[in-house]
Amino acid sequence: MANVGGGARARTKVRMAILGLVTALSAGGAIAAEPTAAVQVVETMHAGMVDVMRTSATTPFDERAAKLEPVIGTAYDLDFMGRKSLGKSFDGLSPEDQKRWLEAFHRFMVANYAGRFTSFSGQSFETLGEDPAAQDTVLVRTRLVDPGKETVDLAYRLRKQGSAWKIIDVYLKGTVSELALRRSDFTAILDREGFAALMANLNGKIADLQAGKAK
């Protein structure tokens, strides 16, 4: 009798689970899956950005940059991107100049967001999906929804660094590599005018962002 009772209880649990599934599907479609680790990195970064944007109109650049620094530093592999932004030319720099460049590149990446987040009008980010990419990387597809303006597609390329996923490139409008654009700009100055001119150029970009003269 005990076995019969246990079987009945098991069948009841199965029926309840099926009923719950049917109810969920009829109420809201498919049950959402848990986001992957790579998607979580992007969504956590986006949440931090929106948090800064909400108060950006009343907070100075330095305060926005201070809030964004850990957000950007956690999500991005900034050292990797800094090296790749100069391509093979990075290896030709002295160790001291390599360090100076990476430090300036870190500041520039934070300033690039802090200098552009100056108001909030209901902007939000949406995650569209994740796709496998070359060399054991993944692409997390998202979009920036800006009420009254054009929605912008953004795809983040991530690779695993140890146990953590890190962003190594951003594709504007889903296809244009931001890292490739920066490498083209930076290496042209380095090849034409030298490292001192390149540093002056990057520090000038940071100063413009700080002064609200972002282009």
C-alpha atoms as a PDB file:
ATOM      1  CA  MET A   1       0.000   0.000   0.000  1.00  0.00           C
ATOM      2  CA  ALA A   2       2.860   2.359   0.778  1.00  0.00           C
ATOM      3  CA  ASN A   3       4.239   1.883  -2.735  1.00  0.00           C
ATOM      4  CA  VAL A   4       0.826   2.552  -4.266  1.00  0.00           C
ATOM      5  CA  GLY A   5       0.497   5.781  -2.261  1.00  0.00           C
ATOM      6  CA  GLY A   6       3.987   6.882  -3.265  1.00  0.00           C
ATOM      7  CA  GLY A   7       3.184   6.266  -6.928  1.00  0.00           C
ATOM      8  CA  ALA A   8       0.014   8.317  -6.658  1.00  0.00           C
ATOM      9  CA  ARG A   9       1.879  11.199  -5.100  1.00  0.00           C
ATOM     10  CA  ALA A  10       4.501  11.052  -7.857  1.00  0.00           C
ATOM     11  CA  ARG A  11       1.809  11.100 -10.548  1.00  0.00           C
ATOM     12  CA  THR A  12       0.191  14.079  -8.836  1.00  0.00           C
ATOM     13  CA  LYS A  13       3.504  15.981  -8.836  1.00  0.00           C
ATOM     14  CA  VAL A  14       3.955  15.262 -12.557  1.00  0.00           C
ATOM     15  CA  ARG A  15       0.445  16.508 -13.327  1.00  0.00           C
ATOM     16  CA  MET A  16       1.065  19.683 -11.292  1.00  0.00           C
ATOM     17  CA  ALA A  17       4.356  20.309 -13.110  1.00  0.00           C
ATOM     18  CA  ILE A  18       2.654  19.889 -16.485  1.00  0.00           C
ATOM     19  CA  LEU A  19      -0.145  22.218 -15.397  1.00  0.00           C
ATOM     20  CA  GLY A  20       2.414  24.810 -14.309  1.00  0.00           C
ATOM     21  CA  LEU A  21       4.232  24.560 -17.641  1.00  0.00           C
ATOM     22  CA  VAL A  22       1.010  24.960 -19.624  1.00  0.00           C
ATOM     23  CA  THR A  23       0.033  27.972 -17.510  1.00  0.00           C
ATOM     24  CA  ALA A  24       3.432  29.618 -18.031  1.00  0.00           C
ATOM     25  CA  LEU A  25       3.350  29.057 -21.776  1.00  0.00           C
ATOM     26  CA  SER A  26      -0.172  30.366 -22.161  1.00  0.00           C
ATOM     27  CA  ALA A  27       0.600  33.443 -20.057  1.00  0.00           C
ATOM     28  CA  GLY A  28       3.872  34.545 -21.579  1.00  0.00           C
ATOM     29  CA  GLY A  29       5.155  32.230 -24.287  1.00  0.00           C
ATOM     30  CA  ALA A  30       8.359  30.247 -23.792  1.00  0.00           C
ATOM     31  CA  ILE A  31      10.054  30.101 -20.416  1.00  0.00           C
ATOM     32  CA  ALA A  32      13.165  32.289 -20.468  1.00  0.00           C
ATOM     33  CA  ALA A  33      16.490  30.504 -20.140  1.00  0.00           C
ATOM     34  CA  GLU A  34      19.151  31.643 -17.706  1.00  0.00           C
ATOM     35  CA  PRO A  35      21.615  34.043 -19.386  1.00  0.00           C
ATOM     36  CA  THR A  36      25.058  32.631 -20.176  1.00  0.00           C
ATOM     37  CA  ALA A  37      28.172  33.873 -18.384  1.00  0.00           C
ATOM     38  CA  ALA A  38      29.145  36.005 -21.394  1.00  0.00           C
ATOM     39  CA  VAL A  39      25.688  37.585 -21.582  1.00  0.00           C
ATOM     40  CA  GLN A  40      25.806  38.297 -17.841  1.00  0.00           C
ATOM     41  CA  VAL A  41      29.056  40.244 -18.312  1.00  0.00           C
ATOM     42  CA  VAL A  42      27.457  42.468 -20.948  1.00  0.00           C
ATOM     43  CA  GLU A  43      24.187  42.933 -19.068  1.00  0.00           C
ATOM     44  CA  THR A  44      25.992  43.805 -15.822  1.00  0.00           C
ATOM     45  CA  MET A  45      28.044  46.394 -17.693  1.00  0.00           C
ATOM     46  CA  HIS A  46      24.934  47.832 -19.323  1.00  0.00           C
ATOM     47  CA  ALA A  47      23.205  48.096 -15.948  1.00  0.00           C
ATOM     48  CA  GLY A  48      26.194  50.021 -14.584  1.00  0.00           C
ATOM     49  CA  MET A  49      26.167  52.347 -17.586  1.00  0.00           C
ATOM     50  CA  VAL A  50      22.462  53.120 -17.270  1.00  0.00           C
ATOM     51  CA  ASP A  51      22.950  53.790 -13.567  1.00  0.00           C
ATOM     52  CA  VAL A  52      25.572  56.427 -14.425  1.00  0.00           C
ATOM     53  CA  MET A  53      23.412  57.863 -17.207  1.00  0.00           C
ATOM     54  CA  ARG A  54      20.456  58.399 -14.862  1.00  0.00           C
ATOM     55  CA  THR A  55      22.354  61.015 -12.838  1.00  0.00           C
ATOM     56  CA  SER A  56      24.758  62.204 -15.539  1.00  0.00           C
ATOM     57  CA  ALA A  57      23.116  65.609 -15.972  1.00  0.00           C
ATOM     58  CA  THR A  58      23.912  66.543 -12.375  1.00  0.00           C
ATOM     59  CA  THR A  59      27.274  64.816 -11.867  1.00  0.00           C
ATOM     60  CA  PRO A  60      30.650  66.133 -13.132  1.00  0.00           C
ATOM     61  CA  PHE A  61      32.920  64.213 -15.481  1.00  0.00           C
ATOM     62  CA  ASP A  62      35.312  63.050 -12.754  1.00  0.00           C
ATOM     63  CA  GLU A  63      32.464  61.537 -10.729  1.00  0.00           C
ATOM     64  CA  ARG A  64      31.037  59.752 -13.762  1.00  0.00           C
ATOM     65  CA  ALA A  65      34.496  58.438 -14.644  1.00  0.00           C
ATOM     66  CA  ALA A  66      35.045  57.180 -11.086  1.00  0.00           C
ATOM     67  CA  LYS A  67      31.774  55.237 -11.219  1.00  0.00           C
ATOM     68  CA  LEU A  68      32.452  53.858 -14.691  1.00  0.00           C
ATOM     69  CA  GLU A  69      36.062  52.798 -14.098  1.00  0.00           C
ATOM     70  CA  PRO A  70      35.235  49.537 -12.237  1.00  0.00           C
ATOM     71  CA  VAL A  71      32.347  48.838 -14.622  1.00  0.00           C
ATOM     72  CA  ILE A  72      34.554  49.133 -17.708  1.00  0.00           C
ATOM     73  CA  GLY A  73      37.586  47.537 -16.062  1.00  0.00           C
ATOM     74  CA  THR A  74      35.600  44.448 -15.068  1.00  0.00           C
ATOM     75  CA  ALA A  75      33.833  43.947 -18.394  1.00  0.00           C
ATOM     76  CA  TYR A  76      36.675  44.706 -20.831  1.00  0.00           C
ATOM     77  CA  ASP A  77      40.096  43.127 -21.322  1.00  0.00           C
ATOM     78  CA  LEU A  78      41.682  46.568 -21.586  1.00  0.00           C
ATOM     79  CA  ASP A  79      45.303  45.391 -21.702  1.00  0.00           C
ATOM     80  CA  PHE A  80      44.535  43.072 -24.614  1.00  0.00           C
ATOM     81  CA  MET A  81      42.642  45.815 -26.447  1.00  0.00           C
ATOM     82  CA  GLY A  82      45.388  48.342 -25.753  1.00  0.00           C
ATOM     83  CA  ARG A  83      47.991  46.043 -27.296  1.00  0.00           C
ATOM     84  CA  LYS A  84      45.820  45.181 -30.287  1.00  0.00           C
ATOM     85  CA  SER A  85      45.011  48.853 -30.879  1.00  0.00           C
ATOM     86  CA  LEU A  86      48.637  49.275 -32.028  1.00  0.00           C
ATOM     87  CA  GLY A  87      48.979  45.908 -33.728  1.00  0.00           C
ATOM     88  CA  LYS A  88      52.561  44.728 -34.260  1.00  0.00           C
ATOM     89  CA  SER A  89      53.837  48.246 -33.516  1.00  0.00           C
ATOM     90  CA  PHE A  90      53.166  47.641 -29.819  1.00  0.00           C
ATOM     91  CA  ASP A  91      55.959  45.049 -29.664  1.00  0.00           C
ATOM     92  CA  GLY A  92      58.411  47.631 -31.007  1.00  0.00           C
ATOM     93  CA  LEU A  93      57.866  49.997 -28.073  1.00  0.00           C
ATOM     94  CA  SER A  94      60.115  49.990 -25.029  1.00  0.00           C
ATOM     95  CA  PRO A  95      58.660  48.399 -21.870  1.00  0.00           C
ATOM     96  CA  GLU A  96      58.273  51.876 -20.373  1.00  0.00           C
ATOM     97  CA  ASP A  97      56.355  53.156 -23.403  1.00  0.00           C
ATOM     98  CA  GLN A  98      54.205  50.026 -23.472  1.00  0.00           C
ATOM     99  CA  LYS A  99      53.202  50.691 -19.871  1.00  0.00           C
ATOM    100  CA  ARG A 100      52.504  54.375 -20.594  1.00  0.00           C
ATOM    101  CA  TRP A 101      50.369  53.444 -23.572  1.00  0.00           C
ATOM    102  CA  LEU A 102      48.280  50.864 -21.707  1.00  0.00           C
ATOM    103  CA  GLU A 103      47.680  53.263 -18.819  1.00  0.00           C
ATOM    104  CA  ALA A 104      46.589  56.002 -21.245  1.00  0.00           C
ATOM    105  CA  PHE A 105      44.397  53.549 -23.166  1.00  0.00           C
ATOM    106  CA  HIS A 106      42.633  52.578 -19.906  1.00  0.00           C
ATOM    107  CA  ARG A 107      41.940  56.245 -19.150  1.00  0.00           C
ATOM    108  CA  PHE A 108      40.713  56.834 -22.689  1.00  0.00           C
ATOM    109  CA  MET A 109      38.245  53.938 -22.609  1.00  0.00           C
ATOM    110  CA  VAL A 110      36.699  55.196 -19.365  1.00  0.00           C
ATOM    111  CA  ALA A 111      36.704  58.817 -20.577  1.00  0.00           C
ATOM    112  CA  ASN A 112      35.036  57.768 -23.826  1.00  0.00           C
ATOM    113  CA  TYR A 113      31.954  56.699 -21.871  1.00  0.00           C
ATOM    114  CA  ALA A 114      32.098  59.328 -19.126  1.00  0.00           C
ATOM    115  CA  GLY A 115      32.405  62.119 -21.675  1.00  0.00           C
ATOM    116  CA  ARG A 116      29.404  60.954 -23.696  1.00  0.00           C
ATOM    117  CA  PHE A 117      27.065  60.121 -20.816  1.00  0.00           C
ATOM    118  CA  THR A 118      25.843  63.641 -20.122  1.00  0.00           C
ATOM    119  CA  SER A 119      22.058  63.216 -20.045  1.00  0.00           C
ATOM    120  CA  PHE A 120      19.331  60.627 -19.627  1.00  0.00           C
ATOM    121  CA  SER A 121      16.089  60.417 -21.567  1.00  0.00           C
ATOM    122  CA  GLY A 122      14.990  56.851 -20.950  1.00  0.00           C
ATOM    123  CA  GLN A 123      17.793  55.029 -22.787  1.00  0.00           C
ATOM    124  CA  SER A 124      17.941  51.263 -22.285  1.00  0.00           C
ATOM    125  CA  PHE A 125      19.842  48.252 -23.578  1.00  0.00           C
ATOM    126  CA  GLU A 126      18.301  45.045 -24.886  1.00  0.00           C
ATOM    127  CA  THR A 127      20.072  41.709 -25.302  1.00  0.00           C
ATOM    128  CA  LEU A 128      19.223  39.971 -28.576  1.00  0.00           C
ATOM    129  CA  GLY A 129      21.262  36.777 -28.376  1.00  0.00           C
ATOM    130  CA  GLU A 130      24.656  35.092 -28.352  1.00  0.00           C
ATOM    131  CA  ASP A 131      26.513  33.454 -31.238  1.00  0.00           C
ATOM    132  CA  PRO A 132      29.779  31.481 -31.409  1.00  0.00           C
ATOM    133  CA  ALA A 133      32.650  33.309 -33.125  1.00  0.00           C
ATOM    134  CA  ALA A 134      36.182  32.619 -34.328  1.00  0.00           C
ATOM    135  CA  GLN A 135      39.089  31.627 -32.062  1.00  0.00           C
ATOM    136  CA  ASP A 136      36.932  30.431 -29.161  1.00  0.00           C
ATOM    137  CA  THR A 137      35.145  33.757 -28.786  1.00  0.00           C
ATOM    138  CA  VAL A 138      31.442  34.605 -28.689  1.00  0.00           C
ATOM    139  CA  LEU A 139      29.371  37.533 -29.948  1.00  0.00           C
ATOM    140  CA  VAL A 140      26.700  38.950 -27.654  1.00  0.00           C
ATOM    141  CA  ARG A 141      24.231  40.902 -29.782  1.00  0.00           C
ATOM    142  CA  THR A 142      22.476  43.863 -28.169  1.00  0.00           C
ATOM    143  CA  ARG A 143      20.892  47.168 -29.060  1.00  0.00           C
ATOM    144  CA  LEU A 144      20.711  50.589 -27.488  1.00  0.00           C
ATOM    145  CA  VAL A 145      17.181  51.950 -27.466  1.00  0.00           C
ATOM    146  CA  ASP A 146      17.157  55.752 -27.277  1.00  0.00           C
ATOM    147  CA  PRO A 147      13.599  57.157 -27.293  1.00  0.00           C
ATOM    148  CA  GLY A 148      13.122  59.603 -30.125  1.00  0.00           C
ATOM    149  CA  LYS A 149      16.375  58.560 -31.811  1.00  0.00           C
ATOM    150  CA  GLU A 150      17.595  55.717 -33.987  1.00  0.00           C
ATOM    151  CA  THR A 151      18.055  52.378 -32.256  1.00  0.00           C
ATOM    152  CA  VAL A 152      21.713  51.316 -32.465  1.00  0.00           C
ATOM    153  CA  ASP A 153      22.819  47.684 -32.809  1.00  0.00           C
ATOM    154  CA  LEU A 154      25.904  46.794 -30.747  1.00  0.00           C
ATOM    155  CA  ALA A 155      27.656  43.423 -30.765  1.00  0.00           C
ATOM    156  CA  TYR A 156      30.288  42.598 -28.150  1.00  0.00           C
ATOM    157  CA  ARG A 157      33.006  40.038 -28.847  1.00  0.00           C
ATOM    158  CA  LEU A 158      34.166  38.213 -25.731  1.00  0.00           C
ATOM    159  CA  ARG A 159      36.865  35.677 -25.010  1.00  0.00           C
ATOM    160  CA  LYS A 160      37.502  33.685 -21.865  1.00  0.00           C
ATOM    161  CA  GLN A 161      40.349  34.880 -19.662  1.00  0.00           C
ATOM    162  CA  GLY A 162      40.866  32.266 -16.988  1.00  0.00           C
ATOM    163  CA  SER A 163      37.388  31.605 -15.637  1.00  0.00           C
ATOM    164  CA  ALA A 164      35.931  34.969 -16.693  1.00  0.00           C
ATOM    165  CA  TRP A 165      34.585  36.267 -19.987  1.00  0.00           C
ATOM    166  CA  LYS A 166      35.967  39.627 -21.107  1.00  0.00           C
ATOM    167  CA  ILE A 167      34.969  41.966 -23.933  1.00  0.00           C
ATOM    168  CA  ILE A 168      37.733  42.413 -26.534  1.00  0.00           C
ATOM    169  CA  ASP A 169      35.880  44.339 -29.245  1.00  0.00           C
ATOM    170  CA  VAL A 170      32.638  46.184 -29.971  1.00  0.00           C
ATOM    171  CA  TYR A 171      30.941  46.125 -33.350  1.00  0.00           C
ATOM    172  CA  LEU A 172      29.060  49.338 -34.023  1.00  0.00           C
ATOM    173  CA  LYS A 173      25.811  48.812 -35.928  1.00  0.00           C
ATOM    174  CA  GLY A 174      26.622  45.134 -35.504  1.00  0.00           C
ATOM    175  CA  THR A 175      29.426  45.019 -38.085  1.00  0.00           C
ATOM    176  CA  VAL A 176      31.986  47.839 -37.738  1.00  0.00           C
ATOM    177  CA  SER A 177      34.866  46.865 -35.438  1.00  0.00           C
ATOM    178  CA  GLU A 178      35.650  49.677 -33.013  1.00  0.00           C
ATOM    179  CA  LEU A 179      39.075  48.161 -32.310  1.00  0.00           C
ATOM    180  CA  ALA A 180      39.927  48.075 -36.018  1.00  0.00           C
ATOM    181  CA  LEU A 181      38.951  51.735 -36.391  1.00  0.00           C
ATOM    182  CA  ARG A 182      41.125  52.720 -33.441  1.00  0.00           C
ATOM    183  CA  ARG A 183      44.069  50.670 -34.712  1.00  0.00           C
ATOM    184  CA  SER A 184      43.856  52.390 -38.102  1.00  0.00           C
ATOM    185  CA  ASP A 185      43.836  55.805 -36.421  1.00  0.00           C
ATOM    186  CA  PHE A 186      46.538  55.116 -33.835  1.00  0.00           C
ATOM    187  CA  THR A 187      49.023  53.291 -36.061  1.00  0.00           C
ATOM    188  CA  ALA A 188      48.793  56.003 -38.734  1.00  0.00           C
ATOM    189  CA  ILE A 189      49.886  58.616 -36.180  1.00  0.00           C
ATOM    190  CA  LEU A 190      52.561  56.345 -34.704  1.00  0.00           C
ATOM    191  CA  ASP A 191      54.060  55.526 -38.097  1.00  0.00           C
ATOM    192  CA  ARG A 192      53.906  59.100 -39.354  1.00  0.00           C
ATOM    193  CA  GLU A 193      54.831  61.132 -36.274  1.00  0.00           C
ATOM    194  CA  GLY A 194      56.160  58.782 -33.590  1.00  0.00           C
ATOM    195  CA  PHE A 195      55.145  57.663 -30.122  1.00  0.00           C
ATOM    196  CA  ALA A 196      55.293  61.089 -28.439  1.00  0.00           C
ATOM    197  CA  ALA A 197      52.811  62.456 -30.973  1.00  0.00           C
ATOM    198  CA  LEU A 198      50.553  59.437 -30.483  1.00  0.00           C
ATOM    199  CA  MET A 199      50.493  59.962 -26.706  1.00  0.00           C
ATOM    200  CA  ALA A 200      49.781  63.669 -27.201  1.00  0.00           C
ATOM    201  CA  ASN A 201      46.916  62.781 -29.540  1.00  0.00           C
ATOM    202  CA  LEU A 202      45.352  60.312 -27.102  1.00  0.00           C
ATOM    203  CA  ASN A 203      45.729  62.666 -24.139  1.00  0.00           C
ATOM    204  CA  GLY A 204      44.114  65.352 -26.280  1.00  0.00           C
ATOM    205  CA  LYS A 205      41.135  63.080 -26.940  1.00  0.00           C
ATOM    206  CA  ILE A 206      40.800  62.457 -23.191  1.00  0.00           C
ATOM    207  CA  ALA A 207      40.946  66.204 -22.484  1.00  0.00           C
ATOM    208  CA  ASP A 208      38.239  66.868 -25.093  1.00  0.00           C
ATOM    209  CA  LEU A 209      35.995  64.221 -23.552  1.00  0.00           C
ATOM    210  CA  GLN A 210      36.562  65.692 -20.101  1.00  0.00           C
ATOM    211  CA  ALA A 211      35.680  69.161 -21.399  1.00  0.00           C
ATOM    212  CA  GLY A 212      32.518  67.927 -23.088  1.00  0.00           C
ATOM    213  CA  LYS A 213      33.933  68.259 -26.594  1.00  0.00           C
ATOM    214  CA  ALA A 214      33.413  64.647 -27.618  1.00  0.00           C
ATOM    215  CA  LYS A 215      33.215  64.090 -31.380  1.00  0.00           C
END
